[in-house]
Amino acid sequence: PAGYPALRDRIAGKLTTDGRVTAAEE
């Protein structure tokens, strides 16, 4: 329901690179 863990991790990494520090759980 929250998303495939590896994809959540990749999205968190992208947002962190873009300037918003993000964890996969967010």
mmCIF file of all heavy atoms, coordinates in Angstrom:
data_MODEL
# 
_entry.id   MODEL 
# 
loop_
_atom_site.group_PDB 
_atom_site.id 
_atom_site.type_symbol 
_atom_site.label_atom_id 
_atom_site.label_alt_id 
_atom_site.label_comp_id 
_atom_site.label_asym_id 
_atom_site.label_entity_id 
_atom_site.label_seq_id 
_atom_site.pdbx_PDB_ins_code 
_atom_site.Cartn_x 
_atom_site.Cartn_y 
_atom_site.Cartn_z 
_atom_site.occupancy 
_atom_site.B_iso_or_equiv 
_atom_site.pdbx_formal_charge 
_atom_site.auth_seq_id 
_atom_site.auth_comp_id 
_atom_site.auth_asym_id 
_atom_site.auth_atom_id 
_atom_site.pdbx_PDB_model_num 
ATOM 1   N N   . PRO A 1 1  ? 0.803  -1.242 0.000  1.00 0.00 ? 1  PRO A N   1 
ATOM 2   C CA  . PRO A 1 1  ? 0.000  0.000  0.000  1.00 0.00 ? 1  PRO A CA  1 
ATOM 3   C C   . PRO A 1 1  ? 0.828  1.282  0.000  1.00 0.00 ? 1  PRO A C   1 
ATOM 4   O O   . PRO A 1 1  ? 0.410  2.285  -0.576 1.00 0.00 ? 1  PRO A O   1 
ATOM 5   C CB  . PRO A 1 1  ? -0.835 -0.124 1.274  1.00 0.00 ? 1  PRO A CB  1 
ATOM 6   C CG  . PRO A 1 1  ? -0.884 -1.581 1.565  1.00 0.00 ? 1  PRO A CG  1 
ATOM 7   C CD  . PRO A 1 1  ? 0.434  -2.134 1.113  1.00 0.00 ? 1  PRO A CD  1 
ATOM 8   N N   . ALA A 1 2  ? 1.985  1.251  0.631  1.00 0.00 ? 2  ALA A N   1 
ATOM 9   C CA  . ALA A 1 2  ? 2.831  2.450  0.649  1.00 0.00 ? 2  ALA A CA  1 
ATOM 10  C C   . ALA A 1 2  ? 3.807  2.480  -0.514 1.00 0.00 ? 2  ALA A C   1 
ATOM 11  O O   . ALA A 1 2  ? 4.411  3.524  -0.783 1.00 0.00 ? 2  ALA A O   1 
ATOM 12  C CB  . ALA A 1 2  ? 3.605  2.540  1.958  1.00 0.00 ? 2  ALA A CB  1 
ATOM 13  N N   . GLY A 1 3  ? 3.942  1.356  -1.208 1.00 0.00 ? 3  GLY A N   1 
ATOM 14  C CA  . GLY A 1 3  ? 4.860  1.301  -2.340 1.00 0.00 ? 3  GLY A CA  1 
ATOM 15  C C   . GLY A 1 3  ? 5.940  0.260  -2.155 1.00 0.00 ? 3  GLY A C   1 
ATOM 16  O O   . GLY A 1 3  ? 6.288  -0.133 -1.031 1.00 0.00 ? 3  GLY A O   1 
ATOM 17  N N   . TYR A 1 4  ? 6.473  -0.210 -3.258 1.00 0.00 ? 4  TYR A N   1 
ATOM 18  C CA  . TYR A 1 4  ? 7.568  -1.180 -3.257 1.00 0.00 ? 4  TYR A CA  1 
ATOM 19  C C   . TYR A 1 4  ? 8.771  -0.547 -2.551 1.00 0.00 ? 4  TYR A C   1 
ATOM 20  O O   . TYR A 1 4  ? 9.190  0.562  -2.892 1.00 0.00 ? 4  TYR A O   1 
ATOM 21  C CB  . TYR A 1 4  ? 7.895  -1.549 -4.702 1.00 0.00 ? 4  TYR A CB  1 
ATOM 22  C CG  . TYR A 1 4  ? 8.995  -2.546 -4.888 1.00 0.00 ? 4  TYR A CG  1 
ATOM 23  C CD1 . TYR A 1 4  ? 8.983  -3.768 -4.227 1.00 0.00 ? 4  TYR A CD1 1 
ATOM 24  C CD2 . TYR A 1 4  ? 10.057 -2.271 -5.752 1.00 0.00 ? 4  TYR A CD2 1 
ATOM 25  C CE1 . TYR A 1 4  ? 10.006 -4.693 -4.415 1.00 0.00 ? 4  TYR A CE1 1 
ATOM 26  C CE2 . TYR A 1 4  ? 11.082 -3.180 -5.952 1.00 0.00 ? 4  TYR A CE2 1 
ATOM 27  C CZ  . TYR A 1 4  ? 11.044 -4.397 -5.273 1.00 0.00 ? 4  TYR A CZ  1 
ATOM 28  O OH  . TYR A 1 4  ? 12.054 -5.305 -5.461 1.00 0.00 ? 4  TYR A OH  1 
ATOM 29  N N   . PRO A 1 5  ? 9.356  -1.214 -1.543 1.00 0.00 ? 5  PRO A N   1 
ATOM 30  C CA  . PRO A 1 5  ? 10.418 -0.594 -0.740 1.00 0.00 ? 5  PRO A CA  1 
ATOM 31  C C   . PRO A 1 5  ? 11.572 -0.029 -1.559 1.00 0.00 ? 5  PRO A C   1 
ATOM 32  O O   . PRO A 1 5  ? 12.065 1.072  -1.266 1.00 0.00 ? 5  PRO A O   1 
ATOM 33  C CB  . PRO A 1 5  ? 10.865 -1.723 0.176  1.00 0.00 ? 5  PRO A CB  1 
ATOM 34  C CG  . PRO A 1 5  ? 9.649  -2.587 0.331  1.00 0.00 ? 5  PRO A CG  1 
ATOM 35  C CD  . PRO A 1 5  ? 8.964  -2.535 -1.005 1.00 0.00 ? 5  PRO A CD  1 
ATOM 36  N N   . ALA A 1 6  ? 12.029 -0.771 -2.572 1.00 0.00 ? 6  ALA A N   1 
ATOM 37  C CA  . ALA A 1 6  ? 13.155 -0.272 -3.364 1.00 0.00 ? 6  ALA A CA  1 
ATOM 38  C C   . ALA A 1 6  ? 12.792 1.006  -4.110 1.00 0.00 ? 6  ALA A C   1 
ATOM 39  O O   . ALA A 1 6  ? 13.626 1.912  -4.265 1.00 0.00 ? 6  ALA A O   1 
ATOM 40  C CB  . ALA A 1 6  ? 13.615 -1.339 -4.350 1.00 0.00 ? 6  ALA A CB  1 
ATOM 41  N N   . LEU A 1 7  ? 11.541 1.114  -4.562 1.00 0.00 ? 7  LEU A N   1 
ATOM 42  C CA  . LEU A 1 7  ? 11.118 2.323  -5.256 1.00 0.00 ? 7  LEU A CA  1 
ATOM 43  C C   . LEU A 1 7  ? 11.009 3.491  -4.281 1.00 0.00 ? 7  LEU A C   1 
ATOM 44  O O   . LEU A 1 7  ? 11.412 4.630  -4.606 1.00 0.00 ? 7  LEU A O   1 
ATOM 45  C CB  . LEU A 1 7  ? 9.782  2.088  -5.968 1.00 0.00 ? 7  LEU A CB  1 
ATOM 46  C CG  . LEU A 1 7  ? 9.214  3.287  -6.731 1.00 0.00 ? 7  LEU A CG  1 
ATOM 47  C CD1 . LEU A 1 7  ? 10.218 3.842  -7.731 1.00 0.00 ? 7  LEU A CD1 1 
ATOM 48  C CD2 . LEU A 1 7  ? 7.907  2.903  -7.444 1.00 0.00 ? 7  LEU A CD2 1 
ATOM 49  N N   . ARG A 1 8  ? 10.475 3.256  -3.097 1.00 0.00 ? 8  ARG A N   1 
ATOM 50  C CA  . ARG A 1 8  ? 10.412 4.318  -2.091 1.00 0.00 ? 8  ARG A CA  1 
ATOM 51  C C   . ARG A 1 8  ? 11.817 4.826  -1.763 1.00 0.00 ? 8  ARG A C   1 
ATOM 52  O O   . ARG A 1 8  ? 12.029 6.028  -1.587 1.00 0.00 ? 8  ARG A O   1 
ATOM 53  C CB  . ARG A 1 8  ? 9.716  3.803  -0.838 1.00 0.00 ? 8  ARG A CB  1 
ATOM 54  C CG  . ARG A 1 8  ? 8.266  3.413  -1.052 1.00 0.00 ? 8  ARG A CG  1 
ATOM 55  C CD  . ARG A 1 8  ? 7.694  2.742  0.176  1.00 0.00 ? 8  ARG A CD  1 
ATOM 56  N NE  . ARG A 1 8  ? 7.450  3.694  1.247  1.00 0.00 ? 8  ARG A NE  1 
ATOM 57  C CZ  . ARG A 1 8  ? 7.169  3.329  2.508  1.00 0.00 ? 8  ARG A CZ  1 
ATOM 58  N NH1 . ARG A 1 8  ? 7.143  2.036  2.838  1.00 0.00 ? 8  ARG A NH1 1 
ATOM 59  N NH2 . ARG A 1 8  ? 6.953  4.246  3.437  1.00 0.00 ? 8  ARG A NH2 1 
ATOM 60  N N   . ASP A 1 9  ? 12.757 3.892  -1.711 1.00 0.00 ? 9  ASP A N   1 
ATOM 61  C CA  . ASP A 1 9  ? 14.146 4.271  -1.428 1.00 0.00 ? 9  ASP A CA  1 
ATOM 62  C C   . ASP A 1 9  ? 14.717 5.135  -2.555 1.00 0.00 ? 9  ASP A C   1 
ATOM 63  O O   . ASP A 1 9  ? 15.393 6.136  -2.296 1.00 0.00 ? 9  ASP A O   1 
ATOM 64  C CB  . ASP A 1 9  ? 14.986 3.012  -1.238 1.00 0.00 ? 9  ASP A CB  1 
ATOM 65  C CG  . ASP A 1 9  ? 16.411 3.345  -0.836 1.00 0.00 ? 9  ASP A CG  1 
ATOM 66  O OD1 . ASP A 1 9  ? 16.611 3.856  0.278  1.00 0.00 ? 9  ASP A OD1 1 
ATOM 67  O OD2 . ASP A 1 9  ? 17.320 3.100  -1.651 1.00 0.00 ? 9  ASP A OD2 1 
ATOM 68  N N   . ARG A 1 10 ? 14.444 4.764  -3.817 1.00 0.00 ? 10 ARG A N   1 
ATOM 69  C CA  . ARG A 1 10 ? 14.944 5.550  -4.952 1.00 0.00 ? 10 ARG A CA  1 
ATOM 70  C C   . ARG A 1 10 ? 14.322 6.948  -4.962 1.00 0.00 ? 10 ARG A C   1 
ATOM 71  O O   . ARG A 1 10 ? 15.009 7.941  -5.239 1.00 0.00 ? 10 ARG A O   1 
ATOM 72  C CB  . ARG A 1 10 ? 14.625 4.852  -6.275 1.00 0.00 ? 10 ARG A CB  1 
ATOM 73  C CG  . ARG A 1 10 ? 15.238 3.502  -6.495 1.00 0.00 ? 10 ARG A CG  1 
ATOM 74  C CD  . ARG A 1 10 ? 16.752 3.505  -6.442 1.00 0.00 ? 10 ARG A CD  1 
ATOM 75  N NE  . ARG A 1 10 ? 17.301 2.308  -7.050 1.00 0.00 ? 10 ARG A NE  1 
ATOM 76  C CZ  . ARG A 1 10 ? 17.318 1.086  -6.488 1.00 0.00 ? 10 ARG A CZ  1 
ATOM 77  N NH1 . ARG A 1 10 ? 16.780 0.900  -5.277 1.00 0.00 ? 10 ARG A NH1 1 
ATOM 78  N NH2 . ARG A 1 10 ? 17.852 0.051  -7.131 1.00 0.00 ? 10 ARG A NH2 1 
ATOM 79  N N   . ILE A 1 11 ? 13.017 7.041  -4.697 1.00 0.00 ? 11 ILE A N   1 
ATOM 80  C CA  . ILE A 1 11 ? 12.350 8.351  -4.680 1.00 0.00 ? 11 ILE A CA  1 
ATOM 81  C C   . ILE A 1 11 ? 12.920 9.218  -3.565 1.00 0.00 ? 11 ILE A C   1 
ATOM 82  O O   . ILE A 1 11 ? 13.180 10.417 -3.749 1.00 0.00 ? 11 ILE A O   1 
ATOM 83  C CB  . ILE A 1 11 ? 10.825 8.173  -4.527 1.00 0.00 ? 11 ILE A CB  1 
ATOM 84  C CG1 . ILE A 1 11 ? 10.248 7.481  -5.768 1.00 0.00 ? 11 ILE A CG1 1 
ATOM 85  C CG2 . ILE A 1 11 ? 10.141 9.521  -4.297 1.00 0.00 ? 11 ILE A CG2 1 
ATOM 86  C CD1 . ILE A 1 11 ? 8.822  7.012  -5.607 1.00 0.00 ? 11 ILE A CD1 1 
ATOM 87  N N   . ALA A 1 12 ? 13.158 8.617  -2.394 1.00 0.00 ? 12 ALA A N   1 
ATOM 88  C CA  . ALA A 1 12 ? 13.760 9.371  -1.282 1.00 0.00 ? 12 ALA A CA  1 
ATOM 89  C C   . ALA A 1 12 ? 15.136 9.894  -1.670 1.00 0.00 ? 12 ALA A C   1 
ATOM 90  O O   . ALA A 1 12 ? 15.484 11.047 -1.367 1.00 0.00 ? 12 ALA A O   1 
ATOM 91  C CB  . ALA A 1 12 ? 13.844 8.486  -0.043 1.00 0.00 ? 12 ALA A CB  1 
ATOM 92  N N   . GLY A 1 13 ? 15.921 9.060  -2.349 1.00 0.00 ? 13 GLY A N   1 
ATOM 93  C CA  . GLY A 1 13 ? 17.238 9.508  -2.794 1.00 0.00 ? 13 GLY A CA  1 
ATOM 94  C C   . GLY A 1 13 ? 17.149 10.650 -3.792 1.00 0.00 ? 13 GLY A C   1 
ATOM 95  O O   . GLY A 1 13 ? 17.939 11.603 -3.740 1.00 0.00 ? 13 GLY A O   1 
ATOM 96  N N   . LYS A 1 14 ? 16.190 10.565 -4.714 1.00 0.00 ? 14 LYS A N   1 
ATOM 97  C CA  . LYS A 1 14 ? 16.008 11.640 -5.700 1.00 0.00 ? 14 LYS A CA  1 
ATOM 98  C C   . LYS A 1 14 ? 15.645 12.951 -5.004 1.00 0.00 ? 14 LYS A C   1 
ATOM 99  O O   . LYS A 1 14 ? 16.221 14.003 -5.303 1.00 0.00 ? 14 LYS A O   1 
ATOM 100 C CB  . LYS A 1 14 ? 14.896 11.260 -6.687 1.00 0.00 ? 14 LYS A CB  1 
ATOM 101 C CG  . LYS A 1 14 ? 14.547 12.373 -7.676 1.00 0.00 ? 14 LYS A CG  1 
ATOM 102 C CD  . LYS A 1 14 ? 13.233 12.082 -8.367 1.00 0.00 ? 14 LYS A CD  1 
ATOM 103 C CE  . LYS A 1 14 ? 12.853 13.145 -9.369 1.00 0.00 ? 14 LYS A CE  1 
ATOM 104 N NZ  . LYS A 1 14 ? 12.997 14.533 -8.909 1.00 0.00 ? 14 LYS A NZ  1 
ATOM 105 N N   . LEU A 1 15 ? 14.670 12.905 -4.071 1.00 0.00 ? 15 LEU A N   1 
ATOM 106 C CA  . LEU A 1 15 ? 14.261 14.122 -3.373 1.00 0.00 ? 15 LEU A CA  1 
ATOM 107 C C   . LEU A 1 15 ? 15.404 14.708 -2.546 1.00 0.00 ? 15 LEU A C   1 
ATOM 108 O O   . LEU A 1 15 ? 15.574 15.937 -2.479 1.00 0.00 ? 15 LEU A O   1 
ATOM 109 C CB  . LEU A 1 15 ? 13.052 13.820 -2.480 1.00 0.00 ? 15 LEU A CB  1 
ATOM 110 C CG  . LEU A 1 15 ? 11.649 14.080 -3.051 1.00 0.00 ? 15 LEU A CG  1 
ATOM 111 C CD1 . LEU A 1 15 ? 11.402 15.557 -3.229 1.00 0.00 ? 15 LEU A CD1 1 
ATOM 112 C CD2 . LEU A 1 15 ? 11.426 13.332 -4.349 1.00 0.00 ? 15 LEU A CD2 1 
ATOM 113 N N   . THR A 1 16 ? 16.188 13.838 -1.938 1.00 0.00 ? 16 THR A N   1 
ATOM 114 C CA  . THR A 1 16 ? 17.325 14.323 -1.152 1.00 0.00 ? 16 THR A CA  1 
ATOM 115 C C   . THR A 1 16 ? 18.324 15.038 -2.051 1.00 0.00 ? 16 THR A C   1 
ATOM 116 O O   . THR A 1 16 ? 18.848 16.113 -1.713 1.00 0.00 ? 16 THR A O   1 
ATOM 117 C CB  . THR A 1 16 ? 17.992 13.153 -0.411 1.00 0.00 ? 16 THR A CB  1 
ATOM 118 O OG1 . THR A 1 16 ? 17.042 12.561 0.492  1.00 0.00 ? 16 THR A OG1 1 
ATOM 119 C CG2 . THR A 1 16 ? 19.202 13.622 0.372  1.00 0.00 ? 16 THR A CG2 1 
ATOM 120 N N   . THR A 1 17 ? 18.591 14.454 -3.218 1.00 0.00 ? 17 THR A N   1 
ATOM 121 C CA  . THR A 1 17 ? 19.487 15.108 -4.179 1.00 0.00 ? 17 THR A CA  1 
ATOM 122 C C   . THR A 1 17 ? 18.931 16.449 -4.632 1.00 0.00 ? 17 THR A C   1 
ATOM 123 O O   . THR A 1 17 ? 19.679 17.424 -4.819 1.00 0.00 ? 17 THR A O   1 
ATOM 124 C CB  . THR A 1 17 ? 19.714 14.191 -5.393 1.00 0.00 ? 17 THR A CB  1 
ATOM 125 O OG1 . THR A 1 17 ? 20.293 12.959 -4.963 1.00 0.00 ? 17 THR A OG1 1 
ATOM 126 C CG2 . THR A 1 17 ? 20.626 14.847 -6.418 1.00 0.00 ? 17 THR A CG2 1 
ATOM 127 N N   . ASP A 1 18 ? 17.608 16.521 -4.795 1.00 0.00 ? 18 ASP A N   1 
ATOM 128 C CA  . ASP A 1 18 ? 16.977 17.769 -5.242 1.00 0.00 ? 18 ASP A CA  1 
ATOM 129 C C   . ASP A 1 18 ? 16.927 18.832 -4.153 1.00 0.00 ? 18 ASP A C   1 
ATOM 130 O O   . ASP A 1 18 ? 16.629 19.998 -4.447 1.00 0.00 ? 18 ASP A O   1 
ATOM 131 C CB  . ASP A 1 18 ? 15.551 17.486 -5.729 1.00 0.00 ? 18 ASP A CB  1 
ATOM 132 C CG  . ASP A 1 18 ? 15.527 16.667 -7.012 1.00 0.00 ? 18 ASP A CG  1 
ATOM 133 O OD1 . ASP A 1 18 ? 16.570 16.603 -7.686 1.00 0.00 ? 18 ASP A OD1 1 
ATOM 134 O OD2 . ASP A 1 18 ? 14.469 16.086 -7.329 1.00 0.00 ? 18 ASP A OD2 1 
ATOM 135 N N   . GLY A 1 19 ? 17.183 18.449 -2.894 1.00 0.00 ? 19 GLY A N   1 
ATOM 136 C CA  . GLY A 1 19 ? 17.231 19.454 -1.841 1.00 0.00 ? 19 GLY A CA  1 
ATOM 137 C C   . GLY A 1 19 ? 16.328 19.216 -0.662 1.00 0.00 ? 19 GLY A C   1 
ATOM 138 O O   . GLY A 1 19 ? 16.463 19.876 0.371  1.00 0.00 ? 19 GLY A O   1 
ATOM 139 N N   . ARG A 1 20 ? 15.387 18.259 -0.757 1.00 0.00 ? 20 ARG A N   1 
ATOM 140 C CA  . ARG A 1 20 ? 14.542 17.921 0.390  1.00 0.00 ? 20 ARG A CA  1 
ATOM 141 C C   . ARG A 1 20 ? 15.053 16.613 0.982  1.00 0.00 ? 20 ARG A C   1 
ATOM 142 O O   . ARG A 1 20 ? 14.872 15.538 0.387  1.00 0.00 ? 20 ARG A O   1 
ATOM 143 C CB  . ARG A 1 20 ? 13.078 17.767 -0.015 1.00 0.00 ? 20 ARG A CB  1 
ATOM 144 C CG  . ARG A 1 20 ? 12.236 17.239 1.138  1.00 0.00 ? 20 ARG A CG  1 
ATOM 145 C CD  . ARG A 1 20 ? 10.753 17.178 0.899  1.00 0.00 ? 20 ARG A CD  1 
ATOM 146 N NE  . ARG A 1 20 ? 10.095 16.769 2.144  1.00 0.00 ? 20 ARG A NE  1 
ATOM 147 C CZ  . ARG A 1 20 ? 8.828  16.998 2.446  1.00 0.00 ? 20 ARG A CZ  1 
ATOM 148 N NH1 . ARG A 1 20 ? 8.059  17.634 1.580  1.00 0.00 ? 20 ARG A NH1 1 
ATOM 149 N NH2 . ARG A 1 20 ? 8.323  16.606 3.605  1.00 0.00 ? 20 ARG A NH2 1 
ATOM 150 N N   . VAL A 1 21 ? 15.677 16.675 2.136  1.00 0.00 ? 21 VAL A N   1 
ATOM 151 C CA  . VAL A 1 21 ? 16.197 15.462 2.774  1.00 0.00 ? 21 VAL A CA  1 
ATOM 152 C C   . VAL A 1 21 ? 15.023 14.557 3.126  1.00 0.00 ? 21 VAL A C   1 
ATOM 153 O O   . VAL A 1 21 ? 14.104 14.955 3.856  1.00 0.00 ? 21 VAL A O   1 
ATOM 154 C CB  . VAL A 1 21 ? 17.020 15.811 4.028  1.00 0.00 ? 21 VAL A CB  1 
ATOM 155 C CG1 . VAL A 1 21 ? 17.506 14.539 4.713  1.00 0.00 ? 21 VAL A CG1 1 
ATOM 156 C CG2 . VAL A 1 21 ? 18.187 16.708 3.661  1.00 0.00 ? 21 VAL A CG2 1 
ATOM 157 N N   . THR A 1 22 ? 15.045 13.333 2.590  1.00 0.00 ? 22 THR A N   1 
ATOM 158 C CA  . THR A 1 22 ? 13.882 12.450 2.672  1.00 0.00 ? 22 THR A CA  1 
ATOM 159 C C   . THR A 1 22 ? 14.324 11.035 3.000  1.00 0.00 ? 22 THR A C   1 
ATOM 160 O O   . THR A 1 22 ? 15.306 10.536 2.444  1.00 0.00 ? 22 THR A O   1 
ATOM 161 C CB  . THR A 1 22 ? 13.113 12.445 1.332  1.00 0.00 ? 22 THR A CB  1 
ATOM 162 O OG1 . THR A 1 22 ? 12.765 13.790 0.979  1.00 0.00 ? 22 THR A OG1 1 
ATOM 163 C CG2 . THR A 1 22 ? 11.842 11.615 1.417  1.00 0.00 ? 22 THR A CG2 1 
ATOM 164 N N   . ALA A 1 23 ? 13.567 10.370 3.871  1.00 0.00 ? 23 ALA A N   1 
ATOM 165 C CA  . ALA A 1 23 ? 13.762 8.950  4.159  1.00 0.00 ? 23 ALA A CA  1 
ATOM 166 C C   . ALA A 1 23 ? 12.700 8.151  3.410  1.00 0.00 ? 23 ALA A C   1 
ATOM 167 O O   . ALA A 1 23 ? 11.611 8.664  3.103  1.00 0.00 ? 23 ALA A O   1 
ATOM 168 C CB  . ALA A 1 23 ? 13.662 8.688  5.657  1.00 0.00 ? 23 ALA A CB  1 
ATOM 169 N N   . ALA A 1 24 ? 12.999 6.897  3.142  1.00 0.00 ? 24 ALA A N   1 
ATOM 170 C CA  . ALA A 1 24 ? 12.046 6.049  2.416  1.00 0.00 ? 24 ALA A CA  1 
ATOM 171 C C   . ALA A 1 24 ? 10.710 5.962  3.136  1.00 0.00 ? 24 ALA A C   1 
ATOM 172 O O   . ALA A 1 24 ? 9.652  5.852  2.489  1.00 0.00 ? 24 ALA A O   1 
ATOM 173 C CB  . ALA A 1 24 ? 12.640 4.659  2.214  1.00 0.00 ? 24 ALA A CB  1 
ATOM 174 N N   . GLU A 1 25 ? 10.721 6.029  4.460  1.00 0.00 ? 25 GLU A N   1 
ATOM 175 C CA  . GLU A 1 25 ? 9.486  5.932  5.243  1.00 0.00 ? 25 GLU A CA  1 
ATOM 176 C C   . GLU A 1 25 ? 8.604  7.172  5.087  1.00 0.00 ? 25 GLU A C   1 
ATOM 177 O O   . GLU A 1 25 ? 7.447  7.166  5.536  1.00 0.00 ? 25 GLU A O   1 
ATOM 178 C CB  . GLU A 1 25 ? 9.820  5.723  6.720  1.00 0.00 ? 25 GLU A CB  1 
ATOM 179 C CG  . GLU A 1 25 ? 10.512 4.409  7.035  1.00 0.00 ? 25 GLU A CG  1 
ATOM 180 C CD  . GLU A 1 25 ? 11.982 4.398  6.642  1.00 0.00 ? 25 GLU A CD  1 
ATOM 181 O OE1 . GLU A 1 25 ? 12.553 5.508  6.458  1.00 0.00 ? 25 GLU A OE1 1 
ATOM 182 O OE2 . GLU A 1 25 ? 12.552 3.302  6.506  1.00 0.00 ? 25 GLU A OE2 1 
ATOM 183 N N   . GLU A 1 26 ? 9.134  8.201  4.472  1.00 0.00 ? 26 GLU A N   1 
ATOM 184 C CA  . GLU A 1 26 ? 8.359  9.431  4.250  1.00 0.00 ? 26 GLU A CA  1 
ATOM 185 C C   . GLU A 1 26 ? 7.782  9.498  2.844  1.00 0.00 ? 26 GLU A C   1 
ATOM 186 O O   . GLU A 1 26 ? 7.338  10.559 2.404  1.00 0.00 ? 26 GLU A O   1 
ATOM 187 C CB  . GLU A 1 26 ? 9.257  10.646 4.499  1.00 0.00 ? 26 GLU A CB  1 
ATOM 188 C CG  . GLU A 1 26 ? 9.749  10.751 5.933  1.00 0.00 ? 26 GLU A CG  1 
ATOM 189 C CD  . GLU A 1 26 ? 10.813 11.802 6.115  1.00 0.00 ? 26 GLU A CD  1 
ATOM 190 O OE1 . GLU A 1 26 ? 11.686 11.938 5.227  1.00 0.00 ? 26 GLU A OE1 1 
ATOM 191 O OE2 . GLU A 1 26 ? 10.783 12.488 7.152  1.00 0.00 ? 26 GLU A OE2 1 
# 
